[in-house]
Amino acid sequence: MDESRFSASSSYANYLPYKARVTNDGNIDKAWCPSVSLQPHQLTEWISVQFDSVKIINNLLTVPRQHRSVE
């Protein structure tokens, strides 16, 4: 998918929304991170993907970023 199809509420540094794509190229620096720390019970950060047409999504794969500071 083209980078322009991804959007988010915010992005930290170079961790842009399109980097949320799961790839198998071994690059661990591919991740989307919001610009603020997430807080319990606050749903203020989001990511969105624009498709060409209506899609039914049966499964969504998420992969946690390896534990490492983004700074």
PDB file of N, CA and C in Angstrom:
ATOM      1  N   MET A   1       0.836  -1.193   0.000  1.00  0.00           N
ATOM      2  CA  MET A   1       0.000   0.000   0.000  1.00  0.00           C
ATOM      3  C   MET A   1       0.873   1.246   0.000  1.00  0.00           C
ATOM      4  N   ASP A   2       0.390   2.239  -0.682  1.00  0.00           N
ATOM      5  CA  ASP A   2       1.095   3.505  -0.762  1.00  0.00           C
ATOM      6  C   ASP A   2       1.115   4.198   0.605  1.00  0.00           C
ATOM      7  N   GLU A   3       2.203   4.900   0.886  1.00  0.00           N
ATOM      8  CA  GLU A   3       2.365   5.587   2.173  1.00  0.00           C
ATOM      9  C   GLU A   3       1.227   6.559   2.457  1.00  0.00           C
ATOM     10  N   SER A   4       0.694   7.183   1.423  1.00  0.00           N
ATOM     11  CA  SER A   4      -0.345   8.203   1.608  1.00  0.00           C
ATOM     12  C   SER A   4      -1.666   7.626   2.109  1.00  0.00           C
ATOM     13  N   ARG A   5      -1.841   6.327   2.082  1.00  0.00           N
ATOM     14  CA  ARG A   5      -3.081   5.691   2.547  1.00  0.00           C
ATOM     15  C   ARG A   5      -3.123   5.546   4.073  1.00  0.00           C
ATOM     16  N   PHE A   6      -2.020   5.815   4.735  1.00  0.00           N
ATOM     17  CA  PHE A   6      -1.934   5.688   6.186  1.00  0.00           C
ATOM     18  C   PHE A   6      -2.014   7.070   6.821  1.00  0.00           C
ATOM     19  N   SER A   7      -2.766   7.182   7.906  1.00  0.00           N
ATOM     20  CA  SER A   7      -2.822   8.425   8.678  1.00  0.00           C
ATOM     21  C   SER A   7      -2.943   8.069  10.152  1.00  0.00           C
ATOM     22  N   ALA A   8      -2.659   9.040  11.004  1.00  0.00           N
ATOM     23  CA  ALA A   8      -2.711   8.796  12.447  1.00  0.00           C
ATOM     24  C   ALA A   8      -2.993  10.098  13.181  1.00  0.00           C
ATOM     25  N   SER A   9      -3.382   9.956  14.428  1.00  0.00           N
ATOM     26  CA  SER A   9      -3.666  11.119  15.263  1.00  0.00           C
ATOM     27  C   SER A   9      -2.415  11.952  15.500  1.00  0.00           C
ATOM     28  N   SER A  10      -1.263  11.303  15.558  1.00  0.00           N
ATOM     29  CA  SER A  10       0.016  11.979  15.743  1.00  0.00           C
ATOM     30  C   SER A  10       1.128  10.982  15.430  1.00  0.00           C
ATOM     31  N   SER A  11       2.342  11.488  15.324  1.00  0.00           N
ATOM     32  CA  SER A  11       3.501  10.622  15.079  1.00  0.00           C
ATOM     33  C   SER A  11       4.697  11.170  15.824  1.00  0.00           C
ATOM     34  N   TYR A  12       5.470  10.279  16.403  1.00  0.00           N
ATOM     35  CA  TYR A  12       6.686  10.674  17.108  1.00  0.00           C
ATOM     36  C   TYR A  12       7.871  10.568  16.157  1.00  0.00           C
ATOM     37  N   ALA A  13       8.636  11.638  16.037  1.00  0.00           N
ATOM     38  CA  ALA A  13       9.872  11.674  15.248  1.00  0.00           C
ATOM     39  C   ALA A  13       9.646  11.060  13.863  1.00  0.00           C
ATOM     40  N   ASN A  14      10.428  10.061  13.523  1.00  0.00           N
ATOM     41  CA  ASN A  14      10.357   9.436  12.198  1.00  0.00           C
ATOM     42  C   ASN A  14       9.517   8.159  12.207  1.00  0.00           C
ATOM     43  N   TYR A  15       8.730   7.923  13.246  1.00  0.00           N
ATOM     44  CA  TYR A  15       7.890   6.720  13.342  1.00  0.00           C
ATOM     45  C   TYR A  15       6.507   7.043  12.773  1.00  0.00           C
ATOM     46  N   LEU A  16       6.469   7.185  11.466  1.00  0.00           N
ATOM     47  CA  LEU A  16       5.289   7.658  10.743  1.00  0.00           C
ATOM     48  C   LEU A  16       4.256   6.556  10.544  1.00  0.00           C
ATOM     49  N   PRO A  17       2.997   6.923  10.287  1.00  0.00           N
ATOM     50  CA  PRO A  17       1.930   5.919  10.181  1.00  0.00           C
ATOM     51  C   PRO A  17       2.200   4.799   9.184  1.00  0.00           C
ATOM     52  N   TYR A  18       2.750   5.116   8.018  1.00  0.00           N
ATOM     53  CA  TYR A  18       2.962   4.065   7.021  1.00  0.00           C
ATOM     54  C   TYR A  18       3.969   3.010   7.478  1.00  0.00           C
ATOM     55  N   LYS A  19       4.765   3.335   8.476  1.00  0.00           N
ATOM     56  CA  LYS A  19       5.734   2.363   8.991  1.00  0.00           C
ATOM     57  C   LYS A  19       5.076   1.297   9.860  1.00  0.00           C
ATOM     58  N   ALA A  20       3.766   1.383  10.016  1.00  0.00           N
ATOM     59  CA  ALA A  20       3.032   0.359  10.767  1.00  0.00           C
ATOM     60  C   ALA A  20       2.866  -0.926   9.965  1.00  0.00           C
ATOM     61  N   ARG A  21       3.173  -0.882   8.681  1.00  0.00           N
ATOM     62  CA  ARG A  21       3.060  -2.088   7.846  1.00  0.00           C
ATOM     63  C   ARG A  21       3.992  -3.171   8.361  1.00  0.00           C
ATOM     64  N   VAL A  22       3.490  -4.393   8.411  1.00  0.00           N
ATOM     65  CA  VAL A  22       4.317  -5.531   8.817  1.00  0.00           C
ATOM     66  C   VAL A  22       5.085  -6.005   7.592  1.00  0.00           C
ATOM     67  N   THR A  23       6.402  -6.046   7.708  1.00  0.00           N
ATOM     68  CA  THR A  23       7.253  -6.520   6.616  1.00  0.00           C
ATOM     69  C   THR A  23       8.178  -7.603   7.140  1.00  0.00           C
ATOM     70  N   ASN A  24       8.837  -8.270   6.251  1.00  0.00           N
ATOM     71  CA  ASN A  24       9.788  -9.305   6.665  1.00  0.00           C
ATOM     72  C   ASN A  24      11.193  -8.980   6.180  1.00  0.00           C
ATOM     73  N   ASP A  25      11.522  -7.698   6.104  1.00  0.00           N
ATOM     74  CA  ASP A  25      12.842  -7.306   5.621  1.00  0.00           C
ATOM     75  C   ASP A  25      13.881  -7.195   6.734  1.00  0.00           C
ATOM     76  N   GLY A  26      13.488  -7.493   7.970  1.00  0.00           N
ATOM     77  CA  GLY A  26      14.434  -7.485   9.081  1.00  0.00           C
ATOM     78  C   GLY A  26      14.694  -6.117   9.685  1.00  0.00           C
ATOM     79  N   ASN A  27      14.068  -5.085   9.187  1.00  0.00           N
ATOM     80  CA  ASN A  27      14.270  -3.735   9.698  1.00  0.00           C
ATOM     81  C   ASN A  27      13.411  -3.535  10.942  1.00  0.00           C
ATOM     82  N   ILE A  28      14.059  -3.435  12.111  1.00  0.00           N
ATOM     83  CA  ILE A  28      13.310  -3.303  13.365  1.00  0.00           C
ATOM     84  C   ILE A  28      12.860  -1.872  13.626  1.00  0.00           C
ATOM     85  N   ASP A  29      13.299  -0.927  12.815  1.00  0.00           N
ATOM     86  CA  ASP A  29      12.914   0.465  13.014  1.00  0.00           C
ATOM     87  C   ASP A  29      11.629   0.830  12.292  1.00  0.00           C
ATOM     88  N   LYS A  30      10.896  -0.171  11.840  1.00  0.00           N
ATOM     89  CA  LYS A  30       9.620   0.094  11.188  1.00  0.00           C
ATOM     90  C   LYS A  30       8.512  -0.059  12.213  1.00  0.00           C
ATOM     91  N   ALA A  31       7.967   1.061  12.619  1.00  0.00           N
ATOM     92  CA  ALA A  31       6.874   1.071  13.589  1.00  0.00           C
ATOM     93  C   ALA A  31       6.246   2.455  13.569  1.00  0.00           C
ATOM     94  N   TRP A  32       4.971   2.510  13.904  1.00  0.00           N
ATOM     95  CA  TRP A  32       4.324   3.791  14.134  1.00  0.00           C
ATOM     96  C   TRP A  32       4.286   4.013  15.628  1.00  0.00           C
ATOM     97  N   CYS A  33       4.632   5.204  16.061  1.00  0.00           N
ATOM     98  CA  CYS A  33       4.544   5.576  17.474  1.00  0.00           C
ATOM     99  C   CYS A  33       3.835   6.923  17.563  1.00  0.00           C
ATOM    100  N   PRO A  34       2.861   7.045  18.461  1.00  0.00           N
ATOM    101  CA  PRO A  34       2.214   8.346  18.645  1.00  0.00           C
ATOM    102  C   PRO A  34       3.180   9.320  19.313  1.00  0.00           C
ATOM    103  N   SER A  35       2.897  10.590  19.219  1.00  0.00           N
ATOM    104  CA  SER A  35       3.803  11.603  19.763  1.00  0.00           C
ATOM    105  C   SER A  35       3.693  11.768  21.272  1.00  0.00           C
ATOM    106  N   VAL A  36       2.673  11.192  21.871  1.00  0.00           N
ATOM    107  CA  VAL A  36       2.508  11.272  23.325  1.00  0.00           C
ATOM    108  C   VAL A  36       2.449   9.869  23.906  1.00  0.00           C
ATOM    109  N   SER A  37       2.823   9.732  25.157  1.00  0.00           N
ATOM    110  CA  SER A  37       2.735   8.437  25.828  1.00  0.00           C
ATOM    111  C   SER A  37       1.275   8.064  26.022  1.00  0.00           C
ATOM    112  N   LEU A  38       0.976   6.809  25.809  1.00  0.00           N
ATOM    113  CA  LEU A  38      -0.393   6.335  25.996  1.00  0.00           C
ATOM    114  C   LEU A  38      -0.727   6.272  27.475  1.00  0.00           C
ATOM    115  N   GLN A  39      -1.949   6.632  27.799  1.00  0.00           N
ATOM    116  CA  GLN A  39      -2.413   6.633  29.180  1.00  0.00           C
ATOM    117  C   GLN A  39      -3.544   5.618  29.331  1.00  0.00           C
ATOM    118  N   PRO A  40      -3.616   4.949  30.484  1.00  0.00           N
ATOM    119  CA  PRO A  40      -4.703   3.986  30.704  1.00  0.00           C
ATOM    120  C   PRO A  40      -6.073   4.651  30.554  1.00  0.00           C
ATOM    121  N   HIS A  41      -6.983   3.950  29.916  1.00  0.00           N
ATOM    122  CA  HIS A  41      -8.380   4.370  29.783  1.00  0.00           C
ATOM    123  C   HIS A  41      -8.567   5.651  28.969  1.00  0.00           C
ATOM    124  N   GLN A  42      -7.581   6.023  28.176  1.00  0.00           N
ATOM    125  CA  GLN A  42      -7.719   7.182  27.295  1.00  0.00           C
ATOM    126  C   GLN A  42      -7.482   6.729  25.858  1.00  0.00           C
ATOM    127  N   LEU A  43      -8.495   6.843  25.049  1.00  0.00           N
ATOM    128  CA  LEU A  43      -8.411   6.400  23.658  1.00  0.00           C
ATOM    129  C   LEU A  43      -8.219   7.609  22.746  1.00  0.00           C
ATOM    130  N   THR A  44      -7.088   8.287  22.892  1.00  0.00           N
ATOM    131  CA  THR A  44      -6.859   9.515  22.138  1.00  0.00           C
ATOM    132  C   THR A  44      -5.986   9.320  20.905  1.00  0.00           C
ATOM    133  N   GLU A  45      -5.257   8.230  20.821  1.00  0.00           N
ATOM    134  CA  GLU A  45      -4.369   7.995  19.684  1.00  0.00           C
ATOM    135  C   GLU A  45      -4.949   6.926  18.775  1.00  0.00           C
ATOM    136  N   TRP A  46      -4.816   7.118  17.462  1.00  0.00           N
ATOM    137  CA  TRP A  46      -5.386   6.177  16.505  1.00  0.00           C
ATOM    138  C   TRP A  46      -4.546   6.141  15.238  1.00  0.00           C
ATOM    139  N   ILE A  47      -4.728   5.082  14.468  1.00  0.00           N
ATOM    140  CA  ILE A  47      -4.111   4.938  13.153  1.00  0.00           C
ATOM    141  C   ILE A  47      -5.201   4.481  12.189  1.00  0.00           C
ATOM    142  N   SER A  48      -5.115   4.937  10.949  1.00  0.00           N
ATOM    143  CA  SER A  48      -6.141   4.637   9.954  1.00  0.00           C
ATOM    144  C   SER A  48      -5.488   4.259   8.627  1.00  0.00           C
ATOM    145  N   VAL A  49      -6.155   3.355   7.898  1.00  0.00           N
ATOM    146  CA  VAL A  49      -5.702   2.956   6.565  1.00  0.00           C
ATOM    147  C   VAL A  49      -6.867   3.139   5.601  1.00  0.00           C
ATOM    148  N   GLN A  50      -6.638   3.853   4.518  1.00  0.00           N
ATOM    149  CA  GLN A  50      -7.667   4.110   3.513  1.00  0.00           C
ATOM    150  C   GLN A  50      -7.569   3.072   2.397  1.00  0.00           C
ATOM    151  N   PHE A  51      -8.663   2.343   2.148  1.00  0.00           N
ATOM    152  CA  PHE A  51      -8.718   1.352   1.076  1.00  0.00           C
ATOM    153  C   PHE A  51      -9.444   1.939  -0.133  1.00  0.00           C
ATOM    154  N   ASP A  52      -9.273   1.314  -1.297  1.00  0.00           N
ATOM    155  CA  ASP A  52      -9.937   1.760  -2.527  1.00  0.00           C
ATOM    156  C   ASP A  52     -11.444   1.542  -2.492  1.00  0.00           C
ATOM    157  N   SER A  53     -11.868   0.530  -1.760  1.00  0.00           N
ATOM    158  CA  SER A  53     -13.289   0.196  -1.683  1.00  0.00           C
ATOM    159  C   SER A  53     -13.572  -0.383  -0.297  1.00  0.00           C
ATOM    160  N   VAL A  54     -14.844  -0.622  -0.018  1.00  0.00           N
ATOM    161  CA  VAL A  54     -15.228  -1.202   1.269  1.00  0.00           C
ATOM    162  C   VAL A  54     -14.611  -2.593   1.388  1.00  0.00           C
ATOM    163  N   LYS A  55     -14.002  -2.874   2.524  1.00  0.00           N
ATOM    164  CA  LYS A  55     -13.371  -4.171   2.779  1.00  0.00           C
ATOM    165  C   LYS A  55     -13.927  -4.749   4.071  1.00  0.00           C
ATOM    166  N   ILE A  56     -14.040  -6.055   4.110  1.00  0.00           N
ATOM    167  CA  ILE A  56     -14.353  -6.763   5.347  1.00  0.00           C
ATOM    168  C   ILE A  56     -13.036  -7.312   5.866  1.00  0.00           C
ATOM    169  N   ILE A  57     -12.668  -6.905   7.054  1.00  0.00           N
ATOM    170  CA  ILE A  57     -11.403  -7.351   7.642  1.00  0.00           C
ATOM    171  C   ILE A  57     -11.721  -8.428   8.664  1.00  0.00           C
ATOM    172  N   ASN A  58     -11.277  -9.636   8.366  1.00  0.00           N
ATOM    173  CA  ASN A  58     -11.526 -10.775   9.250  1.00  0.00           C
ATOM    174  C   ASN A  58     -10.441 -10.943  10.300  1.00  0.00           C
ATOM    175  N   ASN A  59      -9.237 -10.549   9.968  1.00  0.00           N
ATOM    176  CA  ASN A  59      -8.101 -10.694  10.880  1.00  0.00           C
ATOM    177  C   ASN A  59      -7.226  -9.456  10.782  1.00  0.00           C
ATOM    178  N   LEU A  60      -6.620  -9.110  11.885  1.00  0.00           N
ATOM    179  CA  LEU A  60      -5.693  -7.994  11.916  1.00  0.00           C
ATOM    180  C   LEU A  60      -4.463  -8.444  12.684  1.00  0.00           C
ATOM    181  N   LEU A  61      -3.324  -8.415  12.029  1.00  0.00           N
ATOM    182  CA  LEU A  61      -2.073  -8.841  12.649  1.00  0.00           C
ATOM    183  C   LEU A  61      -1.379  -7.636  13.262  1.00  0.00           C
ATOM    184  N   THR A  62      -1.054  -7.733  14.526  1.00  0.00           N
ATOM    185  CA  THR A  62      -0.251  -6.699  15.174  1.00  0.00           C
ATOM    186  C   THR A  62       1.016  -7.348  15.698  1.00  0.00           C
ATOM    187  N   VAL A  63       2.096  -6.628  15.596  1.00  0.00           N
ATOM    188  CA  VAL A  63       3.390  -7.134  16.047  1.00  0.00           C
ATOM    189  C   VAL A  63       3.981  -6.082  16.972  1.00  0.00           C
ATOM    190  N   PRO A  64       4.300  -6.441  18.197  1.00  0.00           N
ATOM    191  CA  PRO A  64       4.883  -5.444  19.098  1.00  0.00           C
ATOM    192  C   PRO A  64       6.285  -5.061  18.651  1.00  0.00           C
ATOM    193  N   ARG A  65       6.606  -3.818  18.827  1.00  0.00           N
ATOM    194  CA  ARG A  65       7.954  -3.349  18.529  1.00  0.00           C
ATOM    195  C   ARG A  65       8.889  -3.940  19.565  1.00  0.00           C
ATOM    196  N   GLN A  66      10.087  -4.297  19.130  1.00  0.00           N
ATOM    197  CA  GLN A  66      11.057  -4.829  20.083  1.00  0.00           C
ATOM    198  C   GLN A  66      11.295  -3.792  21.164  1.00  0.00           C
ATOM    199  N   HIS A  67      11.436  -4.259  22.395  1.00  0.00           N
ATOM    200  CA  HIS A  67      11.591  -3.343  23.528  1.00  0.00           C
ATOM    201  C   HIS A  67      12.880  -2.544  23.370  1.00  0.00           C
ATOM    202  N   ARG A  68      12.690  -1.294  23.027  1.00  0.00           N
ATOM    203  CA  ARG A  68      13.817  -0.389  22.863  1.00  0.00           C
ATOM    204  C   ARG A  68      13.268   1.021  22.856  1.00  0.00           C
ATOM    205  N   SER A  69      13.925   1.909  23.520  1.00  0.00           N
ATOM    206  CA  SER A  69      13.474   3.291  23.557  1.00  0.00           C
ATOM    207  C   SER A  69      13.501   3.881  22.158  1.00  0.00           C
ATOM    208  N   VAL A  70      12.539   4.732  21.835  1.00  0.00           N
ATOM    209  CA  VAL A  70      12.506   5.368  20.526  1.00  0.00           C
ATOM    210  C   VAL A  70      13.341   6.638  20.496  1.00  0.00           C
ATOM    211  N   GLU A  71      13.931   7.001  21.601  1.00  0.00           N
ATOM    212  CA  GLU A  71      14.732   8.232  21.643  1.00  0.00           C
ATOM    213  C   GLU A  71      16.152   7.990  21.240  1.00  0.00           C
TER     214      GLU A  71
END
